[in-house]
Amino acid sequence: MANQLFQQAREAVAYANSVASGSANGDQQEAVMKAKNALSSAFANCTDAERAQLREFQQTIETL
């Protein structure tokens, strides 16, 4: 079974990135905050490989 929190974090980061680039409508600040919360939740319950990807997602969010 796939890690649901990890998937939610990945989707939240993708959405925040889309809002920041203008390809999706929404509040960028709110999207970034939701992505950060999702990343935080996912870190507690994931594998080492997922953690490495979450760190990459975190770097993406920090640049927005």
N, C-alpha and C. Protein backbone atom coordinates (compact mmCIF):
# COMPACT_ATOMS: atom_id res chain seq x y z
N MET A 1 0.84 -1.19 0.00
CA MET A 1 0.00 0.00 0.00
C MET A 1 0.88 1.25 0.00
N ALA A 2 0.54 2.20 -0.81
CA ALA A 2 1.32 3.43 -0.92
C ALA A 2 1.11 4.32 0.30
N ASN A 3 2.13 5.09 0.60
CA ASN A 3 2.06 6.01 1.73
C ASN A 3 1.19 7.21 1.36
N GLN A 4 0.03 7.28 1.95
CA GLN A 4 -0.94 8.33 1.63
C GLN A 4 -0.42 9.73 1.98
N LEU A 5 0.26 9.87 3.11
CA LEU A 5 0.78 11.18 3.51
C LEU A 5 1.85 11.66 2.52
N PHE A 6 2.66 10.73 2.05
CA PHE A 6 3.68 11.08 1.07
C PHE A 6 3.02 11.56 -0.22
N GLN A 7 2.00 10.86 -0.67
CA GLN A 7 1.30 11.25 -1.89
C GLN A 7 0.64 12.62 -1.74
N GLN A 8 0.05 12.86 -0.59
CA GLN A 8 -0.58 14.16 -0.34
C GLN A 8 0.46 15.28 -0.36
N ALA A 9 1.62 15.03 0.23
CA ALA A 9 2.69 16.03 0.23
C ALA A 9 3.16 16.31 -1.19
N ARG A 10 3.35 15.25 -1.98
CA ARG A 10 3.79 15.42 -3.36
C ARG A 10 2.76 16.26 -4.15
N GLU A 11 1.49 15.96 -3.97
CA GLU A 11 0.44 16.70 -4.68
C GLU A 11 0.37 18.15 -4.21
N ALA A 12 0.55 18.38 -2.92
CA ALA A 12 0.50 19.75 -2.39
C ALA A 12 1.66 20.58 -2.92
N VAL A 13 2.83 19.98 -3.01
CA VAL A 13 3.99 20.69 -3.56
C VAL A 13 3.78 20.99 -5.04
N ALA A 14 3.25 20.03 -5.77
CA ALA A 14 2.99 20.24 -7.19
C ALA A 14 1.98 21.36 -7.40
N TYR A 15 0.94 21.38 -6.55
CA TYR A 15 -0.07 22.44 -6.66
C TYR A 15 0.54 23.81 -6.34
N ALA A 16 1.32 23.89 -5.28
CA ALA A 16 1.95 25.16 -4.90
C ALA A 16 2.87 25.64 -6.01
N ASN A 17 3.58 24.73 -6.62
CA ASN A 17 4.47 25.08 -7.72
C ASN A 17 3.65 25.59 -8.91
N SER A 18 2.52 24.97 -9.18
CA SER A 18 1.65 25.41 -10.27
C SER A 18 1.08 26.80 -10.01
N VAL A 19 0.68 27.05 -8.78
CA VAL A 19 0.16 28.37 -8.43
C VAL A 19 1.26 29.42 -8.59
N ALA A 20 2.45 29.09 -8.12
CA ALA A 20 3.57 30.04 -8.20
C ALA A 20 3.95 30.36 -9.65
N SER A 21 3.83 29.37 -10.52
CA SER A 21 4.20 29.58 -11.92
C SER A 21 3.06 30.21 -12.73
N GLY A 22 1.88 30.27 -12.13
CA GLY A 22 0.74 30.89 -12.82
C GLY A 22 -0.09 29.93 -13.63
N SER A 23 0.26 28.64 -13.62
CA SER A 23 -0.52 27.69 -14.40
C SER A 23 -1.75 27.16 -13.67
N ALA A 24 -1.89 27.55 -12.39
CA ALA A 24 -3.09 27.21 -11.62
C ALA A 24 -3.51 28.44 -10.83
N ASN A 25 -4.80 28.57 -10.63
CA ASN A 25 -5.32 29.70 -9.86
C ASN A 25 -5.34 29.36 -8.38
N GLY A 26 -5.01 30.34 -7.55
CA GLY A 26 -5.05 30.12 -6.12
C GLY A 26 -4.15 31.09 -5.40
N ASP A 27 -4.23 31.04 -4.09
CA ASP A 27 -3.42 31.89 -3.22
C ASP A 27 -2.08 31.20 -3.00
N GLN A 28 -1.01 31.81 -3.49
CA GLN A 28 0.31 31.17 -3.41
C GLN A 28 0.73 30.95 -1.96
N GLN A 29 0.52 31.94 -1.11
CA GLN A 29 0.94 31.82 0.28
C GLN A 29 0.21 30.66 0.97
N GLU A 30 -1.08 30.54 0.71
CA GLU A 30 -1.86 29.45 1.30
C GLU A 30 -1.41 28.09 0.75
N ALA A 31 -1.15 28.04 -0.54
CA ALA A 31 -0.70 26.78 -1.16
C ALA A 31 0.64 26.34 -0.59
N VAL A 32 1.55 27.29 -0.38
CA VAL A 32 2.86 26.97 0.19
C VAL A 32 2.71 26.49 1.63
N MET A 33 1.85 27.15 2.39
CA MET A 33 1.65 26.75 3.78
C MET A 33 1.07 25.33 3.86
N LYS A 34 0.11 25.03 3.01
CA LYS A 34 -0.48 23.68 2.99
C LYS A 34 0.56 22.65 2.60
N ALA A 35 1.41 22.98 1.64
CA ALA A 35 2.47 22.06 1.22
C ALA A 35 3.45 21.81 2.37
N LYS A 36 3.81 22.86 3.08
CA LYS A 36 4.73 22.70 4.21
C LYS A 36 4.12 21.82 5.29
N ASN A 37 2.85 22.01 5.56
CA ASN A 37 2.16 21.17 6.56
C ASN A 37 2.11 19.71 6.10
N ALA A 38 1.83 19.51 4.83
CA ALA A 38 1.77 18.14 4.30
C ALA A 38 3.14 17.48 4.37
N LEU A 39 4.19 18.24 4.06
CA LEU A 39 5.55 17.70 4.15
C LEU A 39 5.89 17.31 5.58
N SER A 40 5.53 18.16 6.50
CA SER A 40 5.81 17.89 7.91
C SER A 40 5.11 16.62 8.37
N SER A 41 3.88 16.45 7.99
CA SER A 41 3.12 15.25 8.36
C SER A 41 3.73 14.00 7.72
N ALA A 42 4.16 14.11 6.49
CA ALA A 42 4.68 12.96 5.77
C ALA A 42 6.03 12.50 6.33
N PHE A 43 6.85 13.41 6.82
CA PHE A 43 8.17 13.06 7.33
C PHE A 43 8.09 12.04 8.45
N ALA A 44 7.09 12.13 9.28
CA ALA A 44 6.99 11.25 10.46
C ALA A 44 6.74 9.80 10.10
N ASN A 45 6.18 9.55 8.94
CA ASN A 45 5.74 8.20 8.62
C ASN A 45 6.15 7.81 7.20
N CYS A 46 7.47 7.75 6.95
CA CYS A 46 7.90 7.39 5.60
C CYS A 46 9.23 6.65 5.64
N THR A 47 9.58 6.09 4.51
CA THR A 47 10.83 5.35 4.37
C THR A 47 11.98 6.34 4.13
N ASP A 48 13.20 5.83 4.17
CA ASP A 48 14.36 6.68 3.91
C ASP A 48 14.34 7.23 2.48
N ALA A 49 13.92 6.42 1.54
CA ALA A 49 13.85 6.87 0.15
C ALA A 49 12.80 7.98 0.00
N GLU A 50 11.67 7.81 0.67
CA GLU A 50 10.64 8.85 0.62
C GLU A 50 11.13 10.13 1.30
N ARG A 51 11.88 9.97 2.39
CA ARG A 51 12.43 11.14 3.09
C ARG A 51 13.34 11.94 2.17
N ALA A 52 14.13 11.25 1.39
CA ALA A 52 15.03 11.93 0.44
C ALA A 52 14.21 12.74 -0.57
N GLN A 53 13.13 12.16 -1.05
CA GLN A 53 12.26 12.88 -2.00
C GLN A 53 11.57 14.05 -1.30
N LEU A 54 11.16 13.84 -0.06
CA LEU A 54 10.51 14.92 0.69
C LEU A 54 11.46 16.10 0.88
N ARG A 55 12.73 15.83 1.08
CA ARG A 55 13.72 16.91 1.20
C ARG A 55 13.81 17.71 -0.11
N GLU A 56 13.74 17.00 -1.23
CA GLU A 56 13.74 17.68 -2.53
C GLU A 56 12.48 18.55 -2.66
N PHE A 57 11.33 18.00 -2.25
CA PHE A 57 10.09 18.77 -2.29
C PHE A 57 10.21 20.01 -1.41
N GLN A 58 10.85 19.86 -0.26
CA GLN A 58 11.01 20.97 0.67
C GLN A 58 11.86 22.07 0.03
N GLN A 59 12.91 21.68 -0.67
CA GLN A 59 13.76 22.66 -1.36
C GLN A 59 12.96 23.40 -2.43
N THR A 60 12.09 22.69 -3.12
CA THR A 60 11.24 23.31 -4.13
C THR A 60 10.35 24.37 -3.49
N ILE A 61 9.74 24.01 -2.37
CA ILE A 61 8.85 24.95 -1.67
C ILE A 61 9.61 26.18 -1.18
N GLU A 62 10.83 25.97 -0.70
CA GLU A 62 11.62 27.10 -0.19
C GLU A 62 11.96 28.12 -1.27
N THR A 63 11.98 27.69 -2.52
CA THR A 63 12.32 28.60 -3.61
C THR A 63 11.10 29.38 -4.13
N LEU A 64 9.91 29.02 -3.66
CA LEU A 64 8.70 29.70 -4.17
C LEU A 64 8.49 31.03 -3.50
